Each structure stands twice: as structure tokens, then as C-alpha cells.
Amino acid sequence: MVKSMTGFGRAEYNDGKRNIIVEMRAVNHRYSDITMKMPRRYSFAEEKLKAIVKGVARRGKIDVSIQVENLTEDDMTVRLNTMAARQYYDNLKELSTMFGLQGDITLQMLASMPDVLKAVPDVEDEEEILKSLSVPVAQAAERLNDMRIIEGAKLAEDIICRGGLIQEMVKEIETRSPAVVSNYAARLKERIAELIKGVAEIPEDRILVEAAIFADKCNVTEELVRLSSHISQLKTIIAESNQPDGKKLDFLVQEMNREANTIGSKANDIAITGHVLNIKSEIEKIREQVQNIE
């Protein structure tokens, strides 16, 4: 199935010690680019958590936000830095003596100094924390994937519809093409008749030769066949897709546009030119949609 590269997923999980909230936002990108914003203390789990996301989203720029709220004090330790406290005390005593200042150095004063008392995360069981983080990450990734599948189905429907419109215009051009040559021969005959004005006979053989040369120059049969083939491939890829096919579809759309340009440059007919312009318009709309496909 075709999947969009845009989407959103959210999950919340409580393991009894911490409440974990995970949010994922995905947008278009040529490759896989996963950025994780999480507390530094859990950075050891980043690569394994990214692997979970890559399992369901193999292309696109995905921003993952992980918030952790500790519910207990089991994983937090307050540490006393006696060396820092001693240095603060000695320096304060020196200032007091140097400037003749009055006042006592109190416990409250020392405790309030930076780094004397510091709460330090006490992460001991990394496997347990990784397991707790993996649960909401996997849930959010699955919800992100569900949204991408839903949007992908809409993109596929629109692309198939526009491919059908192009196919109809290809048939119109196929129907119109034989008349272009006969119309050219008729116009050529009229111009020659106007020039010679009955003085000589109209050179029918020369008209046939010129018409044949013109027919060869404006023949777009090969281009129409290739364009029809590209549309069939487009439908097949979308119908049978089981992997990221966005780049493949993008290449195919480029080929469709190239065939349309060639048809437009070879066709010497206003009606066909009009069809080509409409075809190019639909191809451009398909290209825009393909940019959103994984």
C-alpha cells in the first residue's frame, strides 16, 4: 500500500515509576531523518528507539518528542559536594577578613551555593527504562503509521484518477492524429491551387510526398504508447506497493512529462496542443502528490 510521509502519532505510558508522553510529527523528506528530543539521561536508548520508528516509517523527516515525569524518588539522589562547600566557606572567610565584614557563614548560605547540593538522576537499570520507553514509542509510531496509511490511500486515489484523465486525453490525441496529416495535405493543395490559379495542374504526387514527410515529423505514436505504458506502470506500482516507492513514482512522473513535452513539440495542431497542455497540468498535479509519498 502507498503511504504518505506526513502524519502525527501520540502515546502515553505509565510504568508505576514514571509517566512517559511520546509525540511524533512527520513531514516530507528525500531520505529517512529521525530527530529525537528527550532528557539527556535517557540518551543511551536513542538508537534503539529510532530503530522502532524506522520499522514503520522508512522515509521522511520525523521529529520525536519524549517527555518523562518521575512519579517516585527512587531514581533521584541528592549528593553533597563537600569540596565545593569547603572552598565556598574558605573564600567567604577570606572576604570577611579582607574587607572587615560582619556576619556569620550559615548552613543555609552554604547549602544555597551552586553545586553544593545537587540532585543527580540515579539510572541503574537501563534495560528496564528502555523497555518502558519502547512501549509508548512503539504505540506512537503505530498511530503515526496508521495516519500515513490513511493519507496515502487518499493520495493513491487522486493519482489514479488523474492518470485516468491523462489516458482519456491520450486517446483523444490518437483519434485526432490521422486528421492532422489529411488537413495538412488539404491546406497544402489549397495554397498551391491559389498560387498557380489554373495555369497548371496541381502536382498530386508532390503533395503526397510533402504530406508523407509532414506525417513522419509529427508522428507521435511512439510517445503516446510510452505515455500509456507509464500510466499503466503508475497504477501497478500504487496497487501493488509494499515498500517505499515514492522515488520510483517520482522518476516515472518525470518520464511522463518528457513524453508529453515531445508530443507537444511534434504536434502541429491546436487541438492536440490543447490536450498536451491539459496532460502536463495533470502530470504536475500528480508530481505534487508523489512528493508526499513514502
Protein backbone atom coordinates (compact mmCIF):
# COMPACT_ATOMS: atom_id res chain seq x y z
CA MET A 1 0.00 0.00 0.00
CA VAL A 2 1.07 3.58 -0.64
CA LYS A 3 1.84 5.64 2.47
CA SER A 4 2.06 9.39 2.90
CA MET A 5 5.17 10.84 4.52
CA THR A 6 3.17 13.25 6.67
CA GLY A 7 1.40 12.34 9.87
CA PHE A 8 1.19 12.55 13.65
CA GLY A 9 1.25 9.99 16.43
CA ARG A 10 0.95 10.29 20.21
CA ALA A 11 1.07 7.85 23.11
CA GLU A 12 1.23 7.99 26.90
CA TYR A 13 2.51 5.24 29.20
CA ASN A 14 2.83 4.85 32.96
CA ASP A 15 5.14 2.16 34.37
CA GLY A 16 4.47 2.99 38.02
CA LYS A 17 7.68 4.98 38.43
CA ARG A 18 7.38 7.47 35.59
CA ASN A 19 4.81 8.87 33.20
CA ILE A 20 6.04 8.96 29.60
CA ILE A 21 4.50 11.03 26.81
CA VAL A 22 5.66 10.50 23.21
CA GLU A 23 4.68 12.64 20.22
CA MET A 24 5.81 12.18 16.60
CA ARG A 25 5.42 14.57 13.69
CA ALA A 26 6.40 13.55 10.18
CA VAL A 27 6.86 15.64 7.03
CA ASN A 28 8.29 15.09 3.55
CA HIS A 29 11.99 14.34 3.10
CA ARG A 30 14.08 12.68 0.43
CA TYR A 31 15.58 10.24 2.91
CA SER A 32 14.98 8.95 6.44
CA ASP A 33 15.74 11.63 9.02
CA ILE A 34 14.65 10.93 12.61
CA THR A 35 15.32 13.51 15.30
CA MET A 36 14.69 12.68 18.95
CA LYS A 37 14.20 15.24 21.70
CA MET A 38 14.41 13.56 25.11
CA PRO A 39 16.01 14.01 28.55
CA ARG A 40 19.76 13.63 28.30
CA ARG A 41 19.79 10.96 30.99
CA TYR A 42 17.99 8.59 28.60
CA SER A 43 20.22 9.25 25.58
CA PHE A 44 21.61 5.70 25.83
CA ALA A 45 18.27 4.47 24.43
CA GLU A 46 18.14 6.82 21.42
CA GLU A 47 19.38 4.47 18.69
CA LYS A 48 17.14 1.60 19.78
CA LEU A 49 14.13 3.90 19.91
CA LYS A 50 14.97 5.23 16.43
CA ALA A 51 15.02 1.66 15.17
CA ILE A 52 11.43 1.23 16.38
CA VAL A 53 10.36 4.30 14.40
CA LYS A 54 12.25 3.17 11.29
CA GLY A 55 10.37 -0.11 11.45
CA VAL A 56 7.15 1.64 10.40
CA ALA A 57 8.43 4.80 8.68
CA ARG A 58 11.31 4.19 6.32
CA ARG A 59 11.31 7.61 4.65
CA GLY A 60 10.52 11.15 5.79
CA LYS A 61 11.64 13.67 8.38
CA ILE A 62 10.26 12.60 11.76
CA ASP A 63 10.57 14.66 14.93
CA VAL A 64 10.09 12.59 18.09
CA SER A 65 9.46 14.27 21.43
CA ILE A 66 9.75 12.20 24.63
CA GLN A 67 8.73 13.71 27.95
CA VAL A 68 9.33 11.81 31.19
CA GLU A 69 7.73 12.76 34.50
CA ASN A 70 9.12 10.92 37.51
CA LEU A 71 6.40 9.74 39.89
CA THR A 72 8.70 8.43 42.64
CA GLU A 73 12.01 9.46 44.17
CA ASP A 74 13.62 6.07 43.60
CA ASP A 75 15.71 7.23 40.65
CA MET A 76 16.90 10.55 42.07
CA THR A 77 19.79 11.04 44.56
CA VAL A 78 20.79 14.29 46.27
CA ARG A 79 24.56 14.47 46.59
CA LEU A 80 26.68 16.72 48.79
CA ASN A 81 29.81 18.20 47.24
CA THR A 82 31.95 18.75 50.38
CA MET A 83 34.91 20.02 48.37
CA ALA A 84 32.81 22.79 46.84
CA ALA A 85 31.31 23.64 50.27
CA ARG A 86 34.81 23.87 51.82
CA GLN A 87 36.01 26.20 49.06
CA TYR A 88 32.95 28.43 49.39
CA TYR A 89 33.48 28.59 53.19
CA ASP A 90 37.20 29.42 52.93
CA ASN A 91 36.61 32.08 50.27
CA LEU A 92 33.80 33.70 52.26
CA LYS A 93 36.01 33.77 55.39
CA GLU A 94 38.79 35.39 53.36
CA LEU A 95 36.42 38.05 52.02
CA SER A 96 35.16 38.74 55.55
CA THR A 97 38.72 39.25 56.85
CA MET A 98 39.92 41.22 53.82
CA PHE A 99 37.10 43.78 53.92
CA GLY A 100 36.33 43.69 57.66
CA LEU A 101 32.81 42.46 57.09
CA GLN A 102 30.49 41.31 59.84
CA GLY A 103 28.17 38.31 59.70
CA ASP A 104 28.19 34.58 60.16
CA ILE A 105 28.57 31.98 57.45
CA THR A 106 25.45 29.88 57.94
CA LEU A 107 24.39 26.43 56.83
CA GLN A 108 21.60 27.96 54.74
CA MET A 109 24.11 30.19 52.97
CA LEU A 110 26.44 27.33 52.09
CA ALA A 111 23.61 25.00 51.04
CA SER A 112 22.30 27.62 48.60
CA MET A 113 25.62 27.90 46.78
CA PRO A 114 25.75 26.31 43.28
CA ASP A 115 26.71 22.62 43.16
CA VAL A 116 26.96 22.18 46.94
CA LEU A 117 23.75 20.15 46.96
CA LYS A 118 22.81 18.62 43.65
CA ALA A 119 20.02 16.25 42.61
CA VAL A 120 21.55 13.59 40.37
CA PRO A 121 19.50 11.12 38.35
CA ASP A 122 20.23 7.63 39.53
CA VAL A 123 19.74 5.48 36.42
CA GLU A 124 20.74 1.98 37.32
CA ASP A 125 18.59 -0.40 35.27
CA GLU A 126 18.91 0.75 31.65
CA GLU A 127 17.10 -2.31 30.33
CA GLU A 128 14.06 -1.57 32.46
CA ILE A 129 13.96 2.07 31.35
CA LEU A 130 14.48 1.13 27.70
CA LYS A 131 11.53 -1.26 27.97
CA SER A 132 9.35 1.48 29.49
CA LEU A 133 10.35 3.99 26.81
CA SER A 134 9.86 1.48 23.99
CA VAL A 135 6.20 0.90 24.79
CA PRO A 136 4.89 4.45 24.10
CA VAL A 137 7.37 4.96 21.25
CA ALA A 138 6.03 1.85 19.51
CA GLN A 139 2.43 2.94 20.14
CA ALA A 140 3.04 6.46 18.82
CA ALA A 141 4.88 5.06 15.79
CA GLU A 142 1.94 2.75 15.03
CA ARG A 143 -0.53 5.63 15.24
CA LEU A 144 1.72 7.70 13.03
CA ASN A 145 1.82 4.82 10.58
CA ASP A 146 -1.99 4.50 10.63
CA MET A 147 -2.37 8.16 9.72
CA ARG A 148 0.21 7.85 6.94
CA ILE A 149 -1.67 4.86 5.51
CA ILE A 150 -4.98 6.75 5.53
CA GLU A 151 -3.44 9.78 3.84
CA GLY A 152 -1.58 7.51 1.41
CA ALA A 153 -4.86 5.93 0.32
CA LYS A 154 -6.24 9.38 -0.48
CA LEU A 155 -3.12 10.27 -2.44
CA ALA A 156 -3.31 7.00 -4.37
CA GLU A 157 -6.96 7.59 -5.23
CA ASP A 158 -6.21 11.08 -6.53
CA ILE A 159 -3.21 9.91 -8.58
CA ILE A 160 -5.16 7.04 -10.15
CA CYS A 161 -7.98 9.44 -11.03
CA ARG A 162 -5.60 11.87 -12.71
CA GLY A 163 -3.88 9.03 -14.52
CA GLY A 164 -7.27 8.08 -15.94
CA LEU A 165 -7.81 11.64 -17.15
CA ILE A 166 -4.46 11.57 -18.91
CA GLN A 167 -5.31 8.24 -20.52
CA GLU A 168 -8.53 9.71 -21.89
CA MET A 169 -6.63 12.65 -23.40
CA VAL A 170 -4.09 10.24 -24.92
CA LYS A 171 -6.98 8.51 -26.70
CA GLU A 172 -8.24 11.88 -27.92
CA ILE A 173 -4.81 12.61 -29.40
CA GLU A 174 -4.68 9.16 -31.01
CA THR A 175 -8.05 9.84 -32.62
CA ARG A 176 -7.05 13.32 -33.74
CA SER A 177 -3.59 12.49 -35.15
CA PRO A 178 -4.66 10.98 -38.55
CA ALA A 179 -6.77 14.05 -39.30
CA VAL A 180 -3.75 16.32 -38.80
CA VAL A 181 -1.97 14.86 -41.83
CA SER A 182 -5.06 14.92 -44.07
CA ASN A 183 -5.81 18.52 -43.04
CA TYR A 184 -2.22 19.48 -43.84
CA ALA A 185 -2.47 17.88 -47.30
CA ALA A 186 -5.76 19.68 -47.96
CA ARG A 187 -4.31 23.07 -46.88
CA LEU A 188 -1.20 22.49 -48.97
CA LYS A 189 -3.33 21.67 -52.00
CA GLU A 190 -5.40 24.84 -51.49
CA ARG A 191 -2.30 27.03 -51.27
CA ILE A 192 -0.80 25.53 -54.40
CA ALA A 193 -4.09 25.95 -56.26
CA GLU A 194 -4.21 29.60 -55.19
CA LEU A 195 -0.67 30.19 -56.38
CA ILE A 196 -0.96 28.57 -59.83
CA LYS A 197 -4.57 29.78 -60.37
CA GLY A 198 -5.40 27.18 -63.03
CA VAL A 199 -2.26 27.83 -65.08
CA ALA A 200 -1.00 24.29 -64.44
CA GLU A 201 -2.21 21.08 -62.94
CA ILE A 202 -1.87 20.56 -59.21
CA PRO A 203 1.10 18.17 -58.60
CA GLU A 204 -0.71 15.46 -56.67
CA ASP A 205 2.40 13.31 -56.31
CA ARG A 206 4.35 16.22 -54.83
CA ILE A 207 1.54 16.88 -52.38
CA LEU A 208 1.60 13.24 -51.31
CA VAL A 209 5.37 13.38 -50.78
CA GLU A 210 5.11 16.55 -48.67
CA ALA A 211 2.24 15.07 -46.68
CA ALA A 212 4.29 11.93 -46.02
CA ILE A 213 7.25 13.98 -44.80
CA PHE A 214 4.96 16.02 -42.58
CA ALA A 215 3.31 12.87 -41.25
CA ASP A 216 6.70 11.45 -40.29
CA LYS A 217 7.73 14.64 -38.49
CA CYS A 218 4.53 14.94 -36.47
CA ASN A 219 4.06 11.23 -35.76
CA VAL A 220 3.61 10.85 -32.01
CA THR A 221 2.58 7.19 -31.93
CA GLU A 222 5.69 6.06 -30.02
CA GLU A 223 5.32 8.83 -27.47
CA LEU A 224 1.64 8.03 -26.93
CA VAL A 225 2.43 4.34 -26.47
CA ARG A 226 5.16 5.12 -23.93
CA LEU A 227 2.93 7.59 -22.10
CA SER A 228 0.16 4.98 -21.87
CA SER A 229 2.71 2.46 -20.61
CA HIS A 230 3.91 4.88 -17.92
CA ILE A 231 0.34 5.39 -16.74
CA SER A 232 -0.15 1.62 -16.51
CA GLN A 233 3.07 1.31 -14.52
CA LEU A 234 1.92 4.13 -12.25
CA LYS A 235 -1.29 2.27 -11.48
CA THR A 236 0.54 -1.03 -10.96
CA ILE A 237 3.09 0.43 -8.53
CA ILE A 238 0.36 2.09 -6.49
CA ALA A 239 -1.81 -1.03 -6.45
CA GLU A 240 0.99 -3.47 -5.57
CA SER A 241 3.28 -1.26 -3.46
CA ASN A 242 4.67 -2.93 -0.33
CA GLN A 243 7.74 -0.74 0.15
CA PRO A 244 8.69 2.96 -0.14
CA ASP A 245 8.03 3.64 -3.84
CA GLY A 246 7.98 7.44 -3.75
CA LYS A 247 11.30 7.83 -5.57
CA LYS A 248 10.27 5.29 -8.21
CA LEU A 249 6.99 7.13 -8.79
CA ASP A 250 8.83 10.44 -8.97
CA PHE A 251 11.09 9.09 -11.73
CA LEU A 252 8.08 7.72 -13.60
CA VAL A 253 6.35 11.11 -13.47
CA GLN A 254 9.48 12.73 -14.93
CA GLU A 255 9.32 10.28 -17.84
CA MET A 256 5.62 11.05 -18.36
CA ASN A 257 6.41 14.74 -18.50
CA ARG A 258 9.20 14.13 -21.02
CA GLU A 259 6.85 12.23 -23.35
CA ALA A 260 4.24 14.98 -23.04
CA ASN A 261 6.83 17.62 -23.98
CA THR A 262 7.87 15.62 -27.04
CA ILE A 263 4.26 15.23 -28.17
CA GLY A 264 3.72 18.96 -27.75
CA SER A 265 6.82 19.85 -29.77
CA LYS A 266 5.94 17.44 -32.64
CA ALA A 267 2.20 18.04 -32.86
CA ASN A 268 1.37 20.75 -35.37
CA ASP A 269 -2.26 21.06 -34.33
CA ILE A 270 -4.12 23.37 -31.96
CA ALA A 271 -6.44 20.65 -30.67
CA ILE A 272 -3.55 18.31 -29.83
CA THR A 273 -1.62 21.20 -28.24
CA GLY A 274 -4.63 21.85 -26.02
CA HIS A 275 -4.70 18.20 -24.94
CA VAL A 276 -0.96 18.29 -24.24
CA LEU A 277 -1.34 21.35 -22.02
CA ASN A 278 -4.06 19.58 -20.05
CA ILE A 279 -1.91 16.45 -19.80
CA LYS A 280 1.04 18.47 -18.49
CA SER A 281 -1.26 20.13 -15.95
CA GLU A 282 -2.41 16.74 -14.64
CA ILE A 283 1.15 15.40 -14.60
CA GLU A 284 2.23 18.36 -12.48
CA LYS A 285 -0.59 17.66 -10.02
CA ILE A 286 0.48 14.02 -9.87
CA ARG A 287 4.09 15.12 -9.28
CA GLU A 288 2.99 17.26 -6.33
CA GLN A 289 1.12 14.32 -4.83
CA VAL A 290 4.01 11.92 -5.40
CA GLN A 291 6.28 14.24 -3.38
CA ASN A 292 4.18 13.28 -0.35
CA ILE A 293 4.52 9.52 -0.84
CA GLU A 294 6.98 7.50 1.22
